[in-house]
C-alpha cells in the first residue's frame, strides 16, 4: 500500500481538549528487527484489544510503500529473547481519522522526545494539510521532519533494559485496564 505522509515535531503543550477529539488512544511499542531483517513488529493496545502488526516499509521521506499484516500475539512468547535485544520506541498514539486523511499525535516515552505528529493519506492526488490547520494548534510550535532521517522511528529506537517507570502515571484517554494489559505484555519480553 502506498503511504504519503508528513511528519512534524511539536514543541508546544497539548491540552486535554486536543486529545479528547481523538477516535482512540493506543499504547504502542514498536520493535525494529536488526538488519538484514527489515521488519517492524508493533504491539498496539487499545481499550478493547491487543494487536500485533508486522510491517515492512520501503522508500524514504514523504512517499513510501508499506506492507502490513496482523500476526498472532503469541509472537511475544516465541520471540521474547530476540525482542528484548532489539531496539524499540514506546508511545501513546492518538488517532484522528478524517475523510481521506489520518492524523496521529504520538507522545513518545522512549526515547523521551515529546510529541511527533503525522498526517497521512494513500491517495496521491490529495494535498496533505498543514498540521496547525488539521488540529487548530499554534503554527510556531511545529517543525517539519518528513525528510530528516534522524526522525524516523527506526532511527529513534533504543534498547530497553527496564520497563519500571516507562510510562508516566497519567496518560490522557488511557484506561487503567489498557495500561495493565500493555504492562503485562511488556513483562513477557522484559521480565
Protein backbone atom coordinates (compact mmCIF):
# COMPACT_ATOMS: atom_id res chain seq x y z
CA UNK A 1 0.00 0.00 0.00
CA UNK A 2 1.21 3.49 -0.77
CA UNK A 3 1.79 5.75 2.25
CA UNK A 4 2.11 9.50 1.72
CA UNK A 5 2.95 11.20 5.00
CA UNK A 6 4.20 14.45 6.50
CA UNK A 7 5.85 14.31 9.92
CA UNK A 8 6.44 17.12 12.42
CA UNK A 9 7.90 17.63 15.88
CA UNK A 10 5.58 19.65 18.10
CA UNK A 11 7.23 21.58 20.93
CA UNK A 12 4.11 23.20 22.41
CA UNK A 13 1.86 21.85 25.13
CA UNK A 14 -1.23 19.81 24.36
CA UNK A 15 -4.42 20.35 26.31
CA UNK A 16 -6.95 17.65 27.09
CA UNK A 17 -9.43 19.00 24.54
CA UNK A 18 -6.98 18.14 21.72
CA UNK A 19 -6.65 14.56 23.00
CA UNK A 20 -10.41 14.21 23.57
CA UNK A 21 -11.05 14.74 19.85
CA UNK A 22 -9.10 11.56 19.06
CA UNK A 23 -11.04 8.49 17.97
CA UNK A 24 -8.81 6.27 20.10
CA UNK A 25 -5.60 6.30 22.12
CA UNK A 26 -3.29 3.32 21.67
CA UNK A 27 -0.34 2.33 23.83
CA UNK A 28 2.35 1.14 21.42
CA UNK A 29 5.75 -0.47 21.47
CA UNK A 30 7.46 -0.90 18.11
CA UNK A 31 10.46 -3.19 17.81
CA UNK A 32 12.79 -2.74 14.85
CA UNK A 33 14.45 -6.00 13.90
CA UNK A 34 18.17 -5.84 13.16
CA UNK A 35 19.40 -5.95 9.55
CA UNK A 36 19.20 -7.74 7.27
CA UNK A 37 15.66 -8.17 8.70
CA UNK A 38 13.70 -5.04 7.79
CA UNK A 39 10.51 -5.82 9.70
CA UNK A 40 8.92 -3.74 12.40
CA UNK A 41 6.78 -5.52 14.98
CA UNK A 42 4.19 -3.35 16.72
CA UNK A 43 2.18 -4.20 19.80
CA UNK A 44 -0.80 -1.83 19.97
CA UNK A 45 -3.11 -1.96 22.99
CA UNK A 46 -6.44 -0.15 22.78
CA UNK A 47 -9.18 -0.11 25.43
CA UNK A 48 -10.79 -3.05 23.59
CA UNK A 49 -7.94 -5.25 22.32
CA UNK A 50 -4.26 -6.03 21.85
CA UNK A 51 -2.90 -6.50 18.34
CA UNK A 52 0.46 -7.39 16.84
CA UNK A 53 1.23 -5.93 13.42
CA UNK A 54 4.19 -6.87 11.24
CA UNK A 55 5.23 -4.08 8.86
CA UNK A 56 7.80 -3.68 6.12
CA UNK A 57 8.34 -0.21 4.70
CA UNK A 58 10.39 0.69 1.65
CA UNK A 59 11.38 4.11 0.43
CA UNK A 60 12.15 7.23 2.40
CA UNK A 61 10.59 10.58 3.17
CA UNK A 62 7.11 11.59 2.18
CA UNK A 63 6.20 8.70 -0.14
CA UNK A 64 6.79 5.07 0.87
CA UNK A 65 5.43 1.62 0.25
CA UNK A 66 4.08 -0.15 3.31
CA UNK A 67 3.10 -3.77 3.71
CA UNK A 68 1.27 -4.69 6.94
CA UNK A 69 -0.29 -7.82 8.31
CA UNK A 70 -1.71 -8.79 11.66
CA UNK A 71 0.13 -11.61 13.39
CA UNK A 72 -0.57 -13.65 16.49
CA UNK A 73 0.06 -12.01 19.84
CA UNK A 74 1.80 -15.29 20.74
CA UNK A 75 4.82 -13.95 18.85
CA UNK A 76 5.67 -12.15 22.11
CA UNK A 77 6.34 -15.52 23.73
CA UNK A 78 8.05 -17.03 20.68
CA UNK A 79 10.39 -14.06 20.09
CA UNK A 80 10.73 -12.68 23.63
CA UNK A 81 14.51 -13.08 23.85
CA UNK A 82 15.10 -11.57 20.41
CA UNK A 83 12.72 -8.67 21.01
CA UNK A 84 14.44 -7.88 24.31
CA UNK A 85 17.70 -7.47 22.38
CA UNK A 86 16.20 -5.28 19.65
CA UNK A 87 15.71 -1.50 19.65
CA UNK A 88 12.22 -0.12 20.22
CA UNK A 89 10.14 3.00 20.69
CA UNK A 90 7.27 3.34 23.20
CA UNK A 91 4.48 5.86 22.73
CA UNK A 92 0.86 6.77 23.19
CA UNK A 93 -0.81 7.29 19.81
CA UNK A 94 -3.89 9.48 19.41
CA UNK A 95 -5.69 8.75 16.12
CA UNK A 96 -7.75 11.34 14.22
CA UNK A 97 -9.32 9.92 11.03
CA UNK A 98 -10.85 12.43 8.61
CA UNK A 99 -12.28 11.75 5.16
CA UNK A 100 -9.19 10.91 3.06
CA UNK A 101 -6.55 11.64 5.72
CA UNK A 102 -5.47 10.21 9.03
CA UNK A 103 -3.71 12.33 11.60
CA UNK A 104 -1.86 10.93 14.58
CA UNK A 105 -0.26 12.55 17.57
CA UNK A 106 2.42 10.33 19.08
CA UNK A 107 3.62 11.13 22.57
CA UNK A 108 6.99 9.41 22.77
CA UNK A 109 8.05 7.99 26.13
CA UNK A 110 11.10 6.07 24.83
CA UNK A 111 13.00 7.96 23.70
CA UNK A 112 11.60 10.93 25.60
CA UNK A 113 11.25 13.40 22.72
CA UNK A 114 7.72 14.63 23.34
CA UNK A 115 5.18 14.91 20.51
CA UNK A 116 5.56 13.78 16.91
CA UNK A 117 2.58 14.44 14.66
CA UNK A 118 1.87 12.85 11.30
CA UNK A 119 -0.76 13.32 8.64
CA UNK A 120 -1.02 10.63 6.01
CA UNK A 121 -3.05 9.52 3.04
CA UNK A 122 -2.86 6.74 0.48
CA UNK A 123 -4.26 8.90 -2.32
CA UNK A 124 -1.52 10.53 -4.42
CA UNK A 125 -3.86 13.33 -5.59
CA UNK A 126 -4.53 14.53 -2.02
CA UNK A 127 -2.64 17.54 -0.74
CA UNK A 128 -1.72 16.89 2.89
CA UNK A 129 -2.88 19.79 5.06
CA UNK A 130 -0.60 21.64 7.46
CA UNK A 131 -0.87 20.16 10.97
CA UNK A 132 -1.66 23.51 12.62
CA UNK A 133 -4.77 23.64 10.41
CA UNK A 134 -5.62 19.94 10.93
CA UNK A 135 -5.51 20.28 14.75
CA UNK A 136 -6.02 24.05 15.18
CA UNK A 137 -2.77 24.43 17.14
CA UNK A 138 -0.22 27.30 17.04
CA UNK A 139 1.87 27.02 13.84
CA UNK A 140 5.07 28.28 15.50
CA UNK A 141 5.48 25.08 17.54
CA UNK A 142 5.73 22.75 14.53
CA UNK A 143 8.99 21.75 12.85
CA UNK A 144 8.71 19.54 9.77
CA UNK A 145 10.99 16.49 9.83
CA UNK A 146 9.45 14.48 6.97
CA UNK A 147 12.71 14.28 5.01
CA UNK A 148 15.05 14.16 8.03
CA UNK A 149 16.42 10.60 8.52
CA UNK A 150 17.20 11.33 12.19
CA UNK A 151 13.47 11.38 12.96
CA UNK A 152 12.36 8.06 11.51
CA UNK A 153 11.07 5.86 14.32
CA UNK A 154 13.72 3.27 13.38
CA UNK A 155 16.44 5.90 13.87
CA UNK A 156 14.93 6.99 17.19
CA UNK A 157 14.62 3.43 18.56
CA UNK A 158 16.74 2.48 21.57
CA UNK A 159 17.41 -0.65 23.60
CA UNK A 160 15.10 -1.02 26.58
CA UNK A 161 16.63 -2.68 29.61
CA UNK A 162 14.00 -1.94 32.25
CA UNK A 163 10.30 -1.12 31.99
CA UNK A 164 9.97 0.23 35.53
CA UNK A 165 8.65 3.79 35.27
CA UNK A 166 8.45 3.50 31.48
CA UNK A 167 5.03 5.16 31.35
CA UNK A 168 4.05 8.31 33.24
CA UNK A 169 1.45 7.88 35.97
CA UNK A 170 -1.25 9.64 33.95
CA UNK A 171 -1.82 9.50 30.18
CA UNK A 172 -4.94 11.22 28.76
CA UNK A 173 -7.58 8.77 27.42
CA UNK A 174 -5.69 5.65 28.60
CA UNK A 175 -7.92 3.33 30.59
CA UNK A 176 -6.46 1.54 33.67
CA UNK A 177 -7.19 -1.87 32.12
CA UNK A 178 -5.48 -0.79 28.88
CA UNK A 179 -2.36 0.24 30.79
CA UNK A 180 -2.35 -3.02 32.78
CA UNK A 181 -2.63 -5.08 29.59
CA UNK A 182 0.22 -3.13 27.96
CA UNK A 183 2.46 -3.58 31.01
CA UNK A 184 1.56 -7.29 31.22
CA UNK A 185 2.51 -7.76 27.56
CA UNK A 186 5.81 -5.92 28.06
CA UNK A 187 6.61 -8.21 31.01
CA UNK A 188 6.52 -11.20 28.62
CA UNK A 189 9.51 -9.69 26.82
CA UNK A 190 11.32 -7.76 29.54
CA UNK A 191 10.51 -9.86 32.62
